[in-house]
Amino acid sequence: MAVLTEPMLEHMVDIGVAATGDETVQLPGIRLVDHLGSILFVAASQNNGYGYYGRDSIGLGRQLLGAGGRCLDLCCSTGCQTAVLAATAESVVSVEIDASLAPLFELNMCLNGVRSRVEPRWSDVREVEFDEPFDVVAVNAPMMPTFGVFDLPWLVDGGVDGAGLLKGILGRVPLAANGRLMATSMIPGNAAELQIDWLRELAADRGWSVTVMPTDHEPLNADSAFVKASMVRLLGAPTDTAEVPDDLLDAWAKAAIDRLYFSLIHITADCDDSTFRIVSTELPGERYSL
């Protein structure tokens, strides 16, 4: 592959993301993708932890194309959204708590020729300080509602309503006048509604116009492949023996939650006529994606 020049390959071996054998190159745990015009190293398929990259990453990236001004990428991972933003923006501040991703992040920024416009901060997004407002903000922090029964570090324990981390982020991010914020989120709910009153209240308090776009959904029950995969990853149990704890299922039942909506959230700041809109909960079929 032309992208893997000899100096780059040597660098990747040095930082531990590539290994060479007899006329072979192995990239354990990572892959190379074309993300909306940017060439990036991300996690291997089905890896929901280190360097995650999935359909929601693509959906979020599409909302960021052509961004200008001062931008912010929160939970930036290996920098797929940072690269999209930096292609057209004046500057991008990128925040990620997992500093082990720094070598791949730096490689991706250099590979796409945008490093000079990017300021990485390896810190907790709930604690990092921002001195000026941003014109465009991207947030990719999917969470699962665990009600404190489990700590799911790879998804982040979303607490009772599945939005613990996202609440903490949106409540303190400074948006410029008419600034835009795009976020992905797992929102619990049922066939009739999404449990997202916290965002409705925050939007009213801050004068935001919000559109929530459910793009996919997964059941939350004992037979859910998504939930079982979470238990497998957490407990290290074989897939065929993974069991969903009764207290977790009981908590979801008491809260009338039976599914997760994977959603894109679009926020515009300082609107004269603030609105809150959920596009639809009636997603066709068992699975649906934009």
C-alpha atoms as a PDB file:
ATOM      1  CA  MET A   1       0.000   0.000   0.000  1.00  0.00           C
ATOM      2  CA  ALA A   2       1.418   3.355  -1.094  1.00  0.00           C
ATOM      3  CA  VAL A   3       0.413   5.024   2.198  1.00  0.00           C
ATOM      4  CA  LEU A   4       2.809   2.823   4.159  1.00  0.00           C
ATOM      5  CA  THR A   5       6.116   4.290   3.071  1.00  0.00           C
ATOM      6  CA  GLU A   6       9.278   2.857   4.600  1.00  0.00           C
ATOM      7  CA  PRO A   7       9.803   5.757   7.062  1.00  0.00           C
ATOM      8  CA  MET A   8       6.149   5.606   8.138  1.00  0.00           C
ATOM      9  CA  LEU A   9       6.305   1.853   8.610  1.00  0.00           C
ATOM     10  CA  GLU A  10       9.437   2.191  10.727  1.00  0.00           C
ATOM     11  CA  HIS A  11       7.681   4.819  12.825  1.00  0.00           C
ATOM     12  CA  MET A  12       4.612   2.595  13.292  1.00  0.00           C
ATOM     13  CA  VAL A  13       6.825  -0.259  14.431  1.00  0.00           C
ATOM     14  CA  ASP A  14       8.570   2.099  16.860  1.00  0.00           C
ATOM     15  CA  ILE A  15       5.275   3.224  18.428  1.00  0.00           C
ATOM     16  CA  GLY A  16       4.016  -0.345  18.662  1.00  0.00           C
ATOM     17  CA  VAL A  17       1.074  -0.306  16.241  1.00  0.00           C
ATOM     18  CA  ALA A  18       2.737  -2.369  13.490  1.00  0.00           C
ATOM     19  CA  ALA A  19       4.871  -5.483  13.331  1.00  0.00           C
ATOM     20  CA  THR A  20       6.920  -6.831  10.440  1.00  0.00           C
ATOM     21  CA  GLY A  21       7.718 -10.404   9.472  1.00  0.00           C
ATOM     22  CA  ASP A  22       9.105 -12.100   6.386  1.00  0.00           C
ATOM     23  CA  GLU A  23       7.828  -9.748   3.688  1.00  0.00           C
ATOM     24  CA  THR A  24       4.669  -9.107   5.706  1.00  0.00           C
ATOM     25  CA  VAL A  25       3.282  -6.256   7.767  1.00  0.00           C
ATOM     26  CA  GLN A  26       0.804  -6.843  10.574  1.00  0.00           C
ATOM     27  CA  LEU A  27      -1.363  -4.104  12.050  1.00  0.00           C
ATOM     28  CA  PRO A  28      -2.827  -5.868  15.106  1.00  0.00           C
ATOM     29  CA  GLY A  29      -6.001  -4.234  16.306  1.00  0.00           C
ATOM     30  CA  ILE A  30      -6.068  -1.355  13.806  1.00  0.00           C
ATOM     31  CA  ARG A  31      -7.116  -0.702  10.214  1.00  0.00           C
ATOM     32  CA  LEU A  32      -6.767   2.065   7.654  1.00  0.00           C
ATOM     33  CA  VAL A  33      -9.978   3.811   6.527  1.00  0.00           C
ATOM     34  CA  ASP A  34     -10.992   6.606   4.205  1.00  0.00           C
ATOM     35  CA  HIS A  35     -13.075   8.819   6.469  1.00  0.00           C
ATOM     36  CA  LEU A  36     -14.814  11.363   4.256  1.00  0.00           C
ATOM     37  CA  GLY A  37     -11.603  12.193   2.411  1.00  0.00           C
ATOM     38  CA  SER A  38      -9.172  11.739   5.297  1.00  0.00           C
ATOM     39  CA  ILE A  39      -6.957   8.648   5.521  1.00  0.00           C
ATOM     40  CA  LEU A  40      -6.881   7.430   9.114  1.00  0.00           C
ATOM     41  CA  PHE A  41      -5.768   4.567  11.313  1.00  0.00           C
ATOM     42  CA  VAL A  42      -8.615   3.450  13.593  1.00  0.00           C
ATOM     43  CA  ALA A  43      -9.573   0.363  15.581  1.00  0.00           C
ATOM     44  CA  ALA A  44     -10.277  -2.940  13.895  1.00  0.00           C
ATOM     45  CA  SER A  45     -13.906  -3.759  13.089  1.00  0.00           C
ATOM     46  CA  GLN A  46     -16.086  -4.759  16.051  1.00  0.00           C
ATOM     47  CA  ASN A  47     -13.635  -3.150  18.497  1.00  0.00           C
ATOM     48  CA  ASN A  48     -15.719  -0.868  20.716  1.00  0.00           C
ATOM     49  CA  GLY A  49     -12.829   0.261  22.860  1.00  0.00           C
ATOM     50  CA  TYR A  50      -9.402   1.553  21.841  1.00  0.00           C
ATOM     51  CA  GLY A  51      -9.667   3.751  18.746  1.00  0.00           C
ATOM     52  CA  TYR A  52     -13.356   2.966  18.093  1.00  0.00           C
ATOM     53  CA  TYR A  53     -14.697   3.699  14.611  1.00  0.00           C
ATOM     54  CA  GLY A  54     -18.194   2.759  13.427  1.00  0.00           C
ATOM     55  CA  ARG A  55     -21.242   3.883  11.489  1.00  0.00           C
ATOM     56  CA  ASP A  56     -21.950   6.595  14.021  1.00  0.00           C
ATOM     57  CA  SER A  57     -18.456   7.976  13.373  1.00  0.00           C
ATOM     58  CA  ILE A  58     -19.314   8.317   9.685  1.00  0.00           C
ATOM     59  CA  GLY A  59     -22.711   9.862  10.417  1.00  0.00           C
ATOM     60  CA  LEU A  60     -21.179  12.428  12.762  1.00  0.00           C
ATOM     61  CA  GLY A  61     -18.386  13.222  10.325  1.00  0.00           C
ATOM     62  CA  ARG A  62     -20.871  14.071   7.581  1.00  0.00           C
ATOM     63  CA  GLN A  63     -22.311  16.795   9.825  1.00  0.00           C
ATOM     64  CA  LEU A  64     -18.857  18.366  10.205  1.00  0.00           C
ATOM     65  CA  LEU A  65     -17.810  18.711   6.572  1.00  0.00           C
ATOM     66  CA  GLY A  66     -16.885  22.284   5.667  1.00  0.00           C
ATOM     67  CA  ALA A  67     -16.658  23.461   9.282  1.00  0.00           C
ATOM     68  CA  GLY A  68     -14.961  26.805   9.789  1.00  0.00           C
ATOM     69  CA  GLY A  69     -13.689  28.997  12.582  1.00  0.00           C
ATOM     70  CA  ARG A  70     -12.557  27.653  15.944  1.00  0.00           C
ATOM     71  CA  CYS A  71     -13.547  24.012  16.473  1.00  0.00           C
ATOM     72  CA  LEU A  72     -13.579  21.485  19.308  1.00  0.00           C
ATOM     73  CA  ASP A  73     -13.498  17.678  19.092  1.00  0.00           C
ATOM     74  CA  LEU A  74     -14.398  15.963  22.368  1.00  0.00           C
ATOM     75  CA  CYS A  75     -13.652  12.273  22.970  1.00  0.00           C
ATOM     76  CA  CYS A  76     -11.521  12.509  19.823  1.00  0.00           C
ATOM     77  CA  SER A  77      -9.959   9.004  19.960  1.00  0.00           C
ATOM     78  CA  THR A  78      -7.508   8.646  17.026  1.00  0.00           C
ATOM     79  CA  GLY A  79      -8.770  11.880  15.470  1.00  0.00           C
ATOM     80  CA  CYS A  80     -11.185  10.960  12.683  1.00  0.00           C
ATOM     81  CA  GLN A  81     -13.444  13.963  13.370  1.00  0.00           C
ATOM     82  CA  THR A  82     -10.478  16.188  14.154  1.00  0.00           C
ATOM     83  CA  ALA A  83      -9.126  15.518  10.658  1.00  0.00           C
ATOM     84  CA  VAL A  84     -12.473  16.395   9.061  1.00  0.00           C
ATOM     85  CA  LEU A  85     -12.718  19.628  11.052  1.00  0.00           C
ATOM     86  CA  ALA A  86      -9.087  20.628  10.511  1.00  0.00           C
ATOM     87  CA  ALA A  87      -9.420  20.245   6.740  1.00  0.00           C
ATOM     88  CA  THR A  88     -11.376  23.528   6.601  1.00  0.00           C
ATOM     89  CA  ALA A  89     -11.302  25.109  10.086  1.00  0.00           C
ATOM     90  CA  GLU A  90      -8.918  27.738  11.391  1.00  0.00           C
ATOM     91  CA  SER A  91      -8.041  25.609  14.426  1.00  0.00           C
ATOM     92  CA  VAL A  92      -9.189  22.530  16.324  1.00  0.00           C
ATOM     93  CA  VAL A  93      -8.825  21.699  20.016  1.00  0.00           C
ATOM     94  CA  SER A  94      -9.051  17.916  20.489  1.00  0.00           C
ATOM     95  CA  VAL A  95      -9.680  16.315  23.880  1.00  0.00           C
ATOM     96  CA  GLU A  96      -9.265  12.627  24.767  1.00  0.00           C
ATOM     97  CA  ILE A  97      -8.757  10.957  28.141  1.00  0.00           C
ATOM     98  CA  ASP A  98      -6.913   7.879  26.807  1.00  0.00           C
ATOM     99  CA  ALA A  99      -3.351   9.103  26.266  1.00  0.00           C
ATOM    100  CA  SER A 100      -2.356   5.709  24.842  1.00  0.00           C
ATOM    101  CA  LEU A 101      -4.044   6.888  21.638  1.00  0.00           C
ATOM    102  CA  ALA A 102      -1.624   9.805  21.263  1.00  0.00           C
ATOM    103  CA  PRO A 103       0.835   8.072  18.875  1.00  0.00           C
ATOM    104  CA  LEU A 104      -1.923   7.096  16.428  1.00  0.00           C
ATOM    105  CA  PHE A 105      -3.560  10.517  16.759  1.00  0.00           C
ATOM    106  CA  GLU A 106      -0.303  12.284  15.931  1.00  0.00           C
ATOM    107  CA  LEU A 107       0.327   9.927  13.007  1.00  0.00           C
ATOM    108  CA  ASN A 108      -3.158  10.575  11.609  1.00  0.00           C
ATOM    109  CA  MET A 109      -2.812  14.332  11.847  1.00  0.00           C
ATOM    110  CA  CYS A 110       0.560  14.293  10.080  1.00  0.00           C
ATOM    111  CA  LEU A 111      -0.686  11.823   7.472  1.00  0.00           C
ATOM    112  CA  ASN A 112      -3.452  14.260   6.518  1.00  0.00           C
ATOM    113  CA  GLY A 113      -1.305  17.402   6.669  1.00  0.00           C
ATOM    114  CA  VAL A 114      -3.362  19.148   9.376  1.00  0.00           C
ATOM    115  CA  ARG A 115      -1.130  18.868  12.451  1.00  0.00           C
ATOM    116  CA  SER A 116      -0.307  22.588  12.540  1.00  0.00           C
ATOM    117  CA  ARG A 117      -3.995  23.485  13.036  1.00  0.00           C
ATOM    118  CA  VAL A 118      -4.632  20.982  15.841  1.00  0.00           C
ATOM    119  CA  GLU A 119      -4.100  21.344  19.589  1.00  0.00           C
ATOM    120  CA  PRO A 120      -4.485  17.961  21.354  1.00  0.00           C
ATOM    121  CA  ARG A 121      -5.273  17.888  25.065  1.00  0.00           C
ATOM    122  CA  TRP A 122      -4.969  14.511  26.783  1.00  0.00           C
ATOM    123  CA  SER A 123      -7.413  15.129  29.592  1.00  0.00           C
ATOM    124  CA  ASP A 124     -10.852  14.296  30.997  1.00  0.00           C
ATOM    125  CA  VAL A 125     -13.479  16.211  28.991  1.00  0.00           C
ATOM    126  CA  ARG A 126     -15.343  16.859  32.243  1.00  0.00           C
ATOM    127  CA  GLU A 127     -12.369  18.714  33.708  1.00  0.00           C
ATOM    128  CA  VAL A 128     -10.516  20.453  30.870  1.00  0.00           C
ATOM    129  CA  GLU A 129     -10.888  24.245  30.838  1.00  0.00           C
ATOM    130  CA  PHE A 130     -11.863  26.251  27.756  1.00  0.00           C
ATOM    131  CA  ASP A 131     -10.927  29.919  27.577  1.00  0.00           C
ATOM    132  CA  GLU A 132     -12.924  30.912  24.470  1.00  0.00           C
ATOM    133  CA  PRO A 133     -16.165  29.779  22.797  1.00  0.00           C
ATOM    134  CA  PHE A 134     -16.160  27.485  19.756  1.00  0.00           C
ATOM    135  CA  ASP A 135     -17.909  27.792  16.405  1.00  0.00           C
ATOM    136  CA  VAL A 136     -18.273  24.033  15.831  1.00  0.00           C
ATOM    137  CA  VAL A 137     -18.135  21.244  18.425  1.00  0.00           C
ATOM    138  CA  ALA A 138     -18.120  17.485  17.827  1.00  0.00           C
ATOM    139  CA  VAL A 139     -18.839  14.958  20.592  1.00  0.00           C
ATOM    140  CA  ASN A 140     -18.667  11.176  20.173  1.00  0.00           C
ATOM    141  CA  ALA A 141     -19.272   9.675  23.610  1.00  0.00           C
ATOM    142  CA  PRO A 142     -21.684   6.729  23.342  1.00  0.00           C
ATOM    143  CA  MET A 143     -22.990   5.479  26.680  1.00  0.00           C
ATOM    144  CA  MET A 144     -25.129   2.634  27.959  1.00  0.00           C
ATOM    145  CA  PRO A 145     -27.613   3.003  30.844  1.00  0.00           C
ATOM    146  CA  THR A 146     -26.307   0.695  33.566  1.00  0.00           C
ATOM    147  CA  PHE A 147     -28.041   2.154  36.650  1.00  0.00           C
ATOM    148  CA  GLY A 148     -24.817   1.695  38.557  1.00  0.00           C
ATOM    149  CA  VAL A 149     -25.132  -2.091  38.391  1.00  0.00           C
ATOM    150  CA  PHE A 150     -22.001  -2.268  36.277  1.00  0.00           C
ATOM    151  CA  ASP A 151     -19.109  -0.068  35.378  1.00  0.00           C
ATOM    152  CA  LEU A 152     -18.656  -0.317  31.618  1.00  0.00           C
ATOM    153  CA  PRO A 153     -15.426   1.613  31.021  1.00  0.00           C
ATOM    154  CA  TRP A 154     -15.441   0.958  27.266  1.00  0.00           C
ATOM    155  CA  LEU A 155     -18.877   2.550  26.847  1.00  0.00           C
ATOM    156  CA  VAL A 156     -18.833   4.757  29.971  1.00  0.00           C
ATOM    157  CA  ASP A 157     -21.440   4.102  32.638  1.00  0.00           C
ATOM    158  CA  GLY A 158     -24.263   6.398  31.643  1.00  0.00           C
ATOM    159  CA  GLY A 159     -25.987   6.109  34.985  1.00  0.00           C
ATOM    160  CA  VAL A 160     -29.761   6.021  35.389  1.00  0.00           C
ATOM    161  CA  ASP A 161     -30.608   7.656  32.084  1.00  0.00           C
ATOM    162  CA  GLY A 162     -27.580   6.693  30.008  1.00  0.00           C
ATOM    163  CA  ALA A 163     -26.447  10.281  29.561  1.00  0.00           C
ATOM    164  CA  GLY A 164     -24.153  10.898  32.526  1.00  0.00           C
ATOM    165  CA  LEU A 165     -21.052  11.867  30.589  1.00  0.00           C
ATOM    166  CA  LEU A 166     -22.882  13.727  27.821  1.00  0.00           C
ATOM    167  CA  LYS A 167     -24.709  15.855  30.392  1.00  0.00           C
ATOM    168  CA  GLY A 168     -21.409  16.798  31.979  1.00  0.00           C
ATOM    169  CA  ILE A 169     -19.952  17.753  28.628  1.00  0.00           C
ATOM    170  CA  LEU A 170     -22.844  19.768  27.181  1.00  0.00           C
ATOM    171  CA  GLY A 171     -23.403  21.636  30.408  1.00  0.00           C
ATOM    172  CA  ARG A 172     -19.986  23.299  30.228  1.00  0.00           C
ATOM    173  CA  VAL A 173     -18.990  23.549  26.541  1.00  0.00           C
ATOM    174  CA  PRO A 174     -18.891  27.215  25.439  1.00  0.00           C
ATOM    175  CA  LEU A 175     -20.574  27.760  22.062  1.00  0.00           C
ATOM    176  CA  ALA A 176     -20.114  30.963  20.086  1.00  0.00           C
ATOM    177  CA  ALA A 177     -23.112  32.923  18.853  1.00  0.00           C
ATOM    178  CA  ASN A 178     -24.820  30.735  16.251  1.00  0.00           C
ATOM    179  CA  GLY A 179     -22.267  28.035  17.032  1.00  0.00           C
ATOM    180  CA  ARG A 180     -23.104  24.415  16.210  1.00  0.00           C
ATOM    181  CA  LEU A 181     -22.628  21.276  18.277  1.00  0.00           C
ATOM    182  CA  MET A 182     -23.027  17.783  16.832  1.00  0.00           C
ATOM    183  CA  ALA A 183     -23.009  14.747  19.095  1.00  0.00           C
ATOM    184  CA  THR A 184     -23.653  11.034  18.941  1.00  0.00           C
ATOM    185  CA  SER A 185     -25.470   9.423  21.818  1.00  0.00           C
ATOM    186  CA  MET A 186     -27.138   6.244  23.033  1.00  0.00           C
ATOM    187  CA  ILE A 187     -30.541   7.367  24.300  1.00  0.00           C
ATOM    188  CA  PRO A 188     -32.680   4.872  26.213  1.00  0.00           C
ATOM    189  CA  GLY A 189     -36.413   4.718  25.659  1.00  0.00           C
ATOM    190  CA  ASN A 190     -39.257   2.623  24.354  1.00  0.00           C
ATOM    191  CA  ALA A 191     -41.432   2.463  21.254  1.00  0.00           C
ATOM    192  CA  ALA A 192     -43.230   5.675  22.200  1.00  0.00           C
ATOM    193  CA  GLU A 193     -40.487   7.983  23.431  1.00  0.00           C
ATOM    194  CA  LEU A 194     -36.843   8.744  24.115  1.00  0.00           C
ATOM    195  CA  GLN A 195     -35.830   9.560  27.675  1.00  0.00           C
ATOM    196  CA  ILE A 196     -34.192  12.876  26.950  1.00  0.00           C
ATOM    197  CA  ASP A 197     -35.913  15.469  29.159  1.00  0.00           C
ATOM    198  CA  TRP A 198     -32.496  16.429  30.580  1.00  0.00           C
ATOM    199  CA  LEU A 199     -31.477  17.776  27.159  1.00  0.00           C
ATOM    200  CA  ARG A 200     -34.797  19.556  26.680  1.00  0.00           C
ATOM    201  CA  GLU A 201     -34.269  21.379  29.998  1.00  0.00           C
ATOM    202  CA  LEU A 202     -30.644  22.213  29.192  1.00  0.00           C
ATOM    203  CA  ALA A 203     -31.620  23.584  25.779  1.00  0.00           C
ATOM    204  CA  ALA A 204     -34.275  25.835  27.296  1.00  0.00           C
ATOM    205  CA  ASP A 205     -31.829  27.101  29.903  1.00  0.00           C
ATOM    206  CA  ARG A 206     -29.105  27.909  27.363  1.00  0.00           C
ATOM    207  CA  GLY A 207     -31.219  29.158  24.474  1.00  0.00           C
ATOM    208  CA  TRP A 208     -30.381  26.305  22.118  1.00  0.00           C
ATOM    209  CA  SER A 209     -32.284  24.923  19.189  1.00  0.00           C
ATOM    210  CA  VAL A 210     -31.999  21.113  19.229  1.00  0.00           C
ATOM    211  CA  THR A 211     -32.823  18.377  16.748  1.00  0.00           C
ATOM    212  CA  VAL A 212     -32.467  14.732  17.828  1.00  0.00           C
ATOM    213  CA  MET A 213     -32.209  12.254  14.945  1.00  0.00           C
ATOM    214  CA  PRO A 214     -32.526   8.561  15.912  1.00  0.00           C
ATOM    215  CA  THR A 215     -30.622   6.593  13.283  1.00  0.00           C
ATOM    216  CA  ASP A 216     -30.677   3.059  14.687  1.00  0.00           C
ATOM    217  CA  HIS A 217     -31.943   1.105  17.657  1.00  0.00           C
ATOM    218  CA  GLU A 218     -31.072  -1.979  19.700  1.00  0.00           C
ATOM    219  CA  PRO A 219     -33.263  -3.915  22.135  1.00  0.00           C
ATOM    220  CA  LEU A 220     -32.405  -3.946  25.816  1.00  0.00           C
ATOM    221  CA  ASN A 221     -33.393  -7.375  27.072  1.00  0.00           C
ATOM    222  CA  ALA A 222     -31.868 -10.707  28.039  1.00  0.00           C
ATOM    223  CA  ASP A 223     -31.730 -11.847  24.397  1.00  0.00           C
ATOM    224  CA  SER A 224     -30.163  -8.683  22.990  1.00  0.00           C
ATOM    225  CA  ALA A 225     -26.956  -9.411  21.094  1.00  0.00           C
ATOM    226  CA  PHE A 226     -25.774  -5.899  21.927  1.00  0.00           C
ATOM    227  CA  VAL A 227     -26.296  -6.340  25.661  1.00  0.00           C
ATOM    228  CA  LYS A 228     -24.720  -9.803  25.655  1.00  0.00           C
ATOM    229  CA  ALA A 229     -21.697  -8.444  23.802  1.00  0.00           C
ATOM    230  CA  SER A 230     -21.380  -5.815  26.527  1.00  0.00           C
ATOM    231  CA  MET A 231     -21.430  -8.511  29.201  1.00  0.00           C
ATOM    232  CA  VAL A 232     -18.864 -10.597  27.294  1.00  0.00           C
ATOM    233  CA  ARG A 233     -16.523  -7.641  27.063  1.00  0.00           C
ATOM    234  CA  LEU A 234     -17.016  -6.701  30.705  1.00  0.00           C
ATOM    235  CA  LEU A 235     -16.870 -10.157  32.249  1.00  0.00           C
ATOM    236  CA  GLY A 236     -14.606 -11.940  29.777  1.00  0.00           C
ATOM    237  CA  ALA A 237     -17.124 -14.780  29.517  1.00  0.00           C
ATOM    238  CA  PRO A 238     -17.642 -16.862  26.343  1.00  0.00           C
ATOM    239  CA  THR A 239     -20.436 -15.541  24.148  1.00  0.00           C
ATOM    240  CA  ASP A 240     -22.638 -18.614  24.569  1.00  0.00           C
ATOM    241  CA  THR A 241     -22.550 -18.398  28.372  1.00  0.00           C
ATOM    242  CA  ALA A 242     -22.915 -14.638  28.834  1.00  0.00           C
ATOM    243  CA  GLU A 243     -25.857 -13.779  31.062  1.00  0.00           C
ATOM    244  CA  VAL A 244     -27.428 -10.396  31.646  1.00  0.00           C
ATOM    245  CA  PRO A 245     -27.813  -9.748  35.405  1.00  0.00           C
ATOM    246  CA  ASP A 246     -31.389  -9.758  36.670  1.00  0.00           C
ATOM    247  CA  ASP A 247     -30.909  -6.532  38.636  1.00  0.00           C
ATOM    248  CA  LEU A 248     -29.882  -4.717  35.467  1.00  0.00           C
ATOM    249  CA  LEU A 249     -32.909  -6.037  33.571  1.00  0.00           C
ATOM    250  CA  ASP A 250     -35.167  -5.156  36.505  1.00  0.00           C
ATOM    251  CA  ALA A 251     -33.837  -1.594  36.575  1.00  0.00           C
ATOM    252  CA  TRP A 252     -34.570  -1.128  32.872  1.00  0.00           C
ATOM    253  CA  ALA A 253     -38.067  -2.609  33.294  1.00  0.00           C
ATOM    254  CA  LYS A 254     -38.915  -0.285  36.201  1.00  0.00           C
ATOM    255  CA  ALA A 255     -37.827   2.706  34.102  1.00  0.00           C
ATOM    256  CA  ALA A 256     -39.905   1.482  31.115  1.00  0.00           C
ATOM    257  CA  ILE A 257     -36.767   1.157  28.990  1.00  0.00           C
ATOM    258  CA  ASP A 258     -36.631  -1.591  26.398  1.00  0.00           C
ATOM    259  CA  ARG A 259     -34.329  -0.196  23.713  1.00  0.00           C
ATOM    260  CA  LEU A 260     -31.428   2.106  22.974  1.00  0.00           C
ATOM    261  CA  TYR A 261     -31.728   4.684  20.221  1.00  0.00           C
ATOM    262  CA  PHE A 262     -28.419   5.476  18.553  1.00  0.00           C
ATOM    263  CA  SER A 263     -28.864   9.128  17.691  1.00  0.00           C
ATOM    264  CA  LEU A 264     -27.276  12.211  16.225  1.00  0.00           C
ATOM    265  CA  ILE A 265     -27.920  15.408  18.167  1.00  0.00           C
ATOM    266  CA  HIS A 266     -27.666  18.773  16.382  1.00  0.00           C
ATOM    267  CA  ILE A 267     -27.534  21.915  18.543  1.00  0.00           C
ATOM    268  CA  THR A 268     -27.455  25.557  17.432  1.00  0.00           C
ATOM    269  CA  ALA A 269     -26.657  28.223  20.031  1.00  0.00           C
ATOM    270  CA  ASP A 270     -28.280  31.593  20.686  1.00  0.00           C
ATOM    271  CA  CYS A 271     -31.310  31.058  18.488  1.00  0.00           C
ATOM    272  CA  ASP A 272     -34.016  33.723  18.386  1.00  0.00           C
ATOM    273  CA  ASP A 273     -36.647  31.004  18.276  1.00  0.00           C
ATOM    274  CA  SER A 274     -35.320  28.029  20.248  1.00  0.00           C
ATOM    275  CA  THR A 275     -36.949  24.725  19.383  1.00  0.00           C
ATOM    276  CA  PHE A 276     -36.616  21.099  20.480  1.00  0.00           C
ATOM    277  CA  ARG A 277     -37.437  18.425  17.934  1.00  0.00           C
ATOM    278  CA  ILE A 278     -37.165  14.640  17.843  1.00  0.00           C
ATOM    279  CA  VAL A 279     -37.357  13.544  14.223  1.00  0.00           C
ATOM    280  CA  SER A 280     -39.127  10.229  14.867  1.00  0.00           C
ATOM    281  CA  THR A 281     -39.076   7.111  17.020  1.00  0.00           C
ATOM    282  CA  GLU A 282     -40.810   5.048  14.336  1.00  0.00           C
ATOM    283  CA  LEU A 283     -37.760   3.481  12.749  1.00  0.00           C
ATOM    284  CA  PRO A 284     -38.686   0.961  10.033  1.00  0.00           C
ATOM    285  CA  GLY A 285     -37.654  -2.639  10.528  1.00  0.00           C
ATOM    286  CA  GLU A 286     -35.677  -4.355  13.261  1.00  0.00           C
ATOM    287  CA  ARG A 287     -32.631  -2.232  12.473  1.00  0.00           C
ATOM    288  CA  TYR A 288     -32.374   1.077  10.710  1.00  0.00           C
ATOM    289  CA  SER A 289     -29.555   3.408   9.781  1.00  0.00           C
ATOM    290  CA  LEU A 290     -29.357   6.620   7.781  1.00  0.00           C
END
